[in-house]
């Protein structure tokens, strides 16, 4: 094992601290990845609690109260930090000491894990992986900060004995000292590791020149170099600091990812334990003709994994339903705060509702239909007692996103829900678990808040939601739209009978008609699928006798109020795209 000497003590302490941080970060990441064990710091803390005498426990509780566990875990981190710094300092003397120190920490962590009541042998894996990563990091940092120094860089004279009065290395063969003889390095070239020597930094007689200081008269100034076994290693501060910075980034990234994965696992576990009550108001059975079941046509019900997702959350919020609450306040007579359990005890309504994102281009995919289960928003708002001057619900997500929904829309009798389930199962995490809003007839950015935790009853002239100051409309009812799913744009078709099919939507009014035309000719009525109500999209289909050549297909829909979607093209901003979906196909 190599012996490291004479680097500053702070360098060893820093290397040890960074190695310790990497060890903890990797251990944190290993827990959710392996599905085994627990975070070593927590295991050690639990062991300390178990082993502490009763008077010590009582003192901690009386002194720190509810913060006693926080103080304990903080203390464990401090002790580990001091131990890691000491290990780094010891590793400067001999790397084996540092590795041994890491092994001792690993042993402590393993013992702490194995003393847990539900301990399993595989539970030590995160601790072992973490400390292994720490040992490798320590080794890498020290080797990085103490690179091999070429003999020419040492400034040492080519002679076999040190200057008089200087404690130097043992005498060597004259051939080696003079640089002459078979295999000897030429002056100015790096010497072999076993032939490198250092006087600087080694103890000597009083008055002996130190490394990096001017020598005696006639002697060149020597740089700071250190011996590692028989190797010359010069301490490089910059290499240590850049390496330490890299180690800290790795440690932080591993810890954050580990926490995210662990949180997701915990919330997924809690989600799996949710027992959904039966709806007090079930959805209507789907009509037999709701889905044409044409291959390639968008199905009437969108599977959860296929449902579009658009939100501002870079990382999906992990909201534990046991800790979730919803607060309703503002322009109300009686502010309300309810828990997830409270919500599930309220009468639940089941409804088929199609959601649409305002960013959806004409013919785009950002639309989906699902069967939702939840509490009517109007029921909870009536419990709070809406004031007559309120016209806006400013909802806030767990990640801070805000959304402004018109009060009159929520209170007009439509199936506006605080949804807890989607297609028969608790909401998926990415779709708002444990609770989200679903409001038929409004684009998502003004209605469909996911992970909702707060409702401020207010006014549009008082508050603004997230997207309003960014140029989007404060109010945005969904516009009647239609889309061609079959054939695909640019498809090559055979002449003959071709099925043209797609979906159309006009929530909360309903689709009354869909028309298709080819090459700017006459509009032809498509046949429509059955629907359970006005809040869902509607499938349509038309048989077309395709002739050879390039053809342009267009579609338009008319809602139940007799309004036909406009041909005028407009971008999604500020309140939804308009225009007729148009595709071109080749027929041979």
Foldseek 3Di string as FASTA:
>chain_A
DKFADDDDLVLLLLLLLLLLLQLQLQLLLVCLVVVAADRLLVLLLVVCVVPDDPVVVVVLCVVVNPCSSVVSSVVSVVVSSVLSSVLSSVVNGPVVSNLVSLVVVLVSSQVSRCPDPPHDNCNSVSSVVSSVSSSVSSVVLVCQQWDFDFQLQFQDQLAQDDPPQADFDHGDDNCQSNQHDPPRHDHPGGGDLQSHTHRAPDDTGPPADHQQDQGPPPGHHGHDWIDIPSTITHGHPVSNVVSSVVSNVSSVVSNVNSVLSVLVVVLVVLQVPDDADDAPAEADPWDPQQAPPDPQEDGQADDQVRADFDDDDPRQDRDRQQPAKEWEDAQFPAIDIDGSVRFRPDHKHKYKFKAAALQAAAQGDNIGIWIWIFDQPLVVRVVRHHDPPFFWKWWAAPVGFTAIEGPCQSNVPDRWGQTQDIRPGGRDSSQAPRTWIDGFFFHCRHTTGGNTRYIHGHYPVPDAGDCVVVQADNGAGDDKGWHWRPPDFAAEAEFFKGKIKYKIARPPFAWDWKWKDKQPDDTDTWDWTDGSHRRGIIMTMDIDRGDADKMKMWMWTATPVGDIFDQDFDGSPHHHTGHIDMGMYGYD
